[in-house]
Amino acid sequence: MYKNILVPIAFDDDDRAAQAIEVAQALSESGAKITLLHVIEQVPSYVVSYLPQEYMAESRKAIQAEISDLAAPIENGSGVVVDGHSGRTILDYAKEAEIDCIVIASHRPGMQDLLIGSTAAYVVRHAACAVHVMR
């Protein structure tokens, strides 16, 4: 059982997020800390110039509210929003927070994953702690 679990959350599939949280709770020992993490990827500057000025700030606020709502019912749960490259940022956060298990959802691989790799595959290859991958 684990004491400090990280659950990266992508809001493109809410069912997977709920399942990942359930798995994290099942893998946690009593009193364990469960952190839900959402990474906001950098939007290219040529795209940002077409967005309203307040778009990024409002988007971040909405994401923080949603992840906080997901974390609220979890005992010792918290929701965190950070900026960066998904795979690297998840691993950096895990190292800083002394995470002992990452529970991450993965999609079925396609041709694009053979060329660029998925976030879950990157985390599995480079994590210094246990990783539980959900399909």
Protein backbone atom coordinates (compact mmCIF):
# COMPACT_ATOMS: atom_id res chain seq x y z
CA MET A 1 0.00 0.00 0.00
CA TYR A 2 1.11 3.54 -0.70
CA LYS A 3 1.32 6.69 1.44
CA ASN A 4 1.59 9.45 -1.16
CA ILE A 5 -0.20 8.88 -4.47
CA LEU A 6 -0.29 11.14 -7.52
CA VAL A 7 -3.16 10.94 -10.02
CA PRO A 8 -2.58 12.97 -13.19
CA ILE A 9 -5.94 14.13 -14.51
CA ALA A 10 -6.79 14.94 -18.13
CA PHE A 11 -10.26 16.37 -18.48
CA ASP A 12 -10.80 14.89 -21.93
CA ASP A 13 -12.25 11.71 -20.36
CA ASP A 14 -13.97 12.22 -17.00
CA ASP A 15 -14.84 8.51 -16.62
CA ARG A 16 -11.13 7.65 -16.66
CA ALA A 17 -10.46 10.28 -13.99
CA ALA A 18 -13.09 8.77 -11.68
CA GLN A 19 -11.68 5.29 -12.25
CA ALA A 20 -8.12 6.47 -11.56
CA ILE A 21 -9.24 8.06 -8.30
CA GLU A 22 -10.96 4.82 -7.25
CA VAL A 23 -7.80 2.84 -8.01
CA ALA A 24 -5.67 5.33 -6.07
CA GLN A 25 -7.97 4.99 -3.08
CA ALA A 26 -7.81 1.19 -3.31
CA LEU A 27 -3.99 1.29 -3.43
CA SER A 28 -3.66 3.76 -0.56
CA GLU A 29 -3.04 2.90 3.05
CA SER A 30 -5.04 4.53 5.81
CA GLY A 31 -4.29 8.26 6.02
CA ALA A 32 -2.51 8.34 2.67
CA LYS A 33 -2.30 11.58 0.72
CA ILE A 34 -3.82 11.56 -2.78
CA THR A 35 -2.96 14.45 -5.09
CA LEU A 36 -4.83 15.07 -8.32
CA LEU A 37 -2.60 16.90 -10.80
CA HIS A 38 -3.55 18.63 -14.02
CA VAL A 39 -0.80 19.94 -16.29
CA ILE A 40 -1.62 22.87 -18.55
CA GLU A 41 0.48 22.59 -21.67
CA GLN A 42 1.91 25.82 -23.04
CA VAL A 43 -0.18 27.27 -25.83
CA PRO A 44 1.99 28.39 -28.76
CA SER A 45 2.39 32.17 -28.95
CA TYR A 46 0.94 32.29 -32.46
CA VAL A 47 -2.29 30.80 -31.02
CA VAL A 48 -2.36 32.96 -27.88
CA SER A 49 -2.39 36.08 -30.00
CA TYR A 50 -5.84 35.07 -31.33
CA LEU A 51 -7.34 34.44 -27.88
CA PRO A 52 -8.97 37.06 -25.66
CA GLN A 53 -6.50 38.37 -23.06
CA GLU A 54 -8.36 36.90 -20.10
CA TYR A 55 -8.85 33.47 -21.70
CA MET A 56 -5.83 31.73 -20.13
CA ALA A 57 -6.48 33.11 -16.63
CA GLU A 58 -10.18 32.20 -16.77
CA SER A 59 -9.37 28.77 -18.15
CA ARG A 60 -6.89 28.12 -15.35
CA LYS A 61 -9.45 29.24 -12.75
CA ALA A 62 -12.06 26.87 -14.17
CA ILE A 63 -9.62 23.94 -14.25
CA GLN A 64 -8.54 24.63 -10.65
CA ALA A 65 -12.19 24.70 -9.53
CA GLU A 66 -12.93 21.44 -11.32
CA ILE A 67 -9.92 19.59 -9.94
CA SER A 68 -10.63 20.92 -6.44
CA ASP A 69 -14.20 19.59 -6.74
CA LEU A 70 -12.84 16.18 -7.77
CA ALA A 71 -10.44 16.16 -4.80
CA ALA A 72 -12.93 17.40 -2.20
CA PRO A 73 -14.55 14.03 -1.36
CA ILE A 74 -11.16 12.26 -1.10
CA GLU A 75 -9.80 11.90 2.42
CA ASN A 76 -6.45 13.76 2.45
CA GLY A 77 -7.05 14.69 -1.19
CA SER A 78 -5.90 17.83 -2.95
CA GLY A 79 -6.06 19.23 -6.46
CA VAL A 80 -3.10 20.95 -8.08
CA VAL A 81 -2.79 22.74 -11.44
CA VAL A 82 0.68 23.36 -12.90
CA ASP A 83 2.12 24.50 -16.22
CA GLY A 84 4.54 22.51 -18.35
CA HIS A 85 5.07 19.50 -20.58
CA SER A 86 2.78 16.72 -19.33
CA GLY A 87 5.23 13.85 -18.93
CA ARG A 88 8.18 15.83 -17.58
CA THR A 89 6.03 17.92 -15.28
CA ILE A 90 4.30 14.88 -13.78
CA LEU A 91 7.70 13.33 -13.03
CA ASP A 92 9.13 16.58 -11.63
CA TYR A 93 6.11 16.99 -9.37
CA ALA A 94 6.36 13.37 -8.23
CA LYS A 95 10.00 13.83 -7.29
CA GLU A 96 9.41 17.12 -5.43
CA ALA A 97 6.41 15.78 -3.51
CA GLU A 98 8.09 12.43 -2.74
CA ILE A 99 5.29 10.48 -4.43
CA ASP A 100 5.53 6.71 -3.99
CA CYS A 101 2.94 5.73 -6.63
CA ILE A 102 1.51 7.36 -9.75
CA VAL A 103 -1.89 6.16 -10.98
CA ILE A 104 -2.27 7.21 -14.60
CA ALA A 105 -4.90 6.46 -17.24
CA SER A 106 -3.83 5.49 -20.72
CA HIS A 107 -5.67 5.33 -24.01
CA ARG A 108 -5.30 2.49 -26.45
CA PRO A 109 -2.15 3.18 -28.45
CA GLY A 110 -2.39 4.25 -32.06
CA MET A 111 0.08 4.94 -34.82
CA GLN A 112 0.85 8.43 -33.47
CA ASP A 113 2.03 6.86 -30.20
CA LEU A 114 4.63 4.82 -32.03
CA LEU A 115 6.17 8.04 -33.31
CA ILE A 116 5.82 10.49 -30.43
CA GLY A 117 4.82 8.39 -27.40
CA SER A 118 2.02 8.99 -24.95
CA THR A 119 2.23 10.72 -21.60
CA ALA A 120 1.58 7.44 -19.77
CA ALA A 121 4.37 5.68 -21.68
CA TYR A 122 6.79 8.52 -20.87
CA VAL A 123 5.88 8.38 -17.18
CA VAL A 124 6.27 4.60 -17.04
CA ARG A 125 9.71 4.73 -18.70
CA HIS A 126 11.12 7.49 -16.51
CA ALA A 127 9.38 7.38 -13.11
CA ALA A 128 11.46 6.76 -10.00
CA CYS A 129 8.43 5.35 -8.16
CA ALA A 130 5.75 2.73 -8.80
CA VAL A 131 3.35 3.48 -11.67
CA HIS A 132 -0.08 1.92 -12.03
CA VAL A 133 -1.39 2.28 -15.59
CA MET A 134 -5.10 1.98 -16.25
CA ARG A 135 -6.50 0.98 -19.61
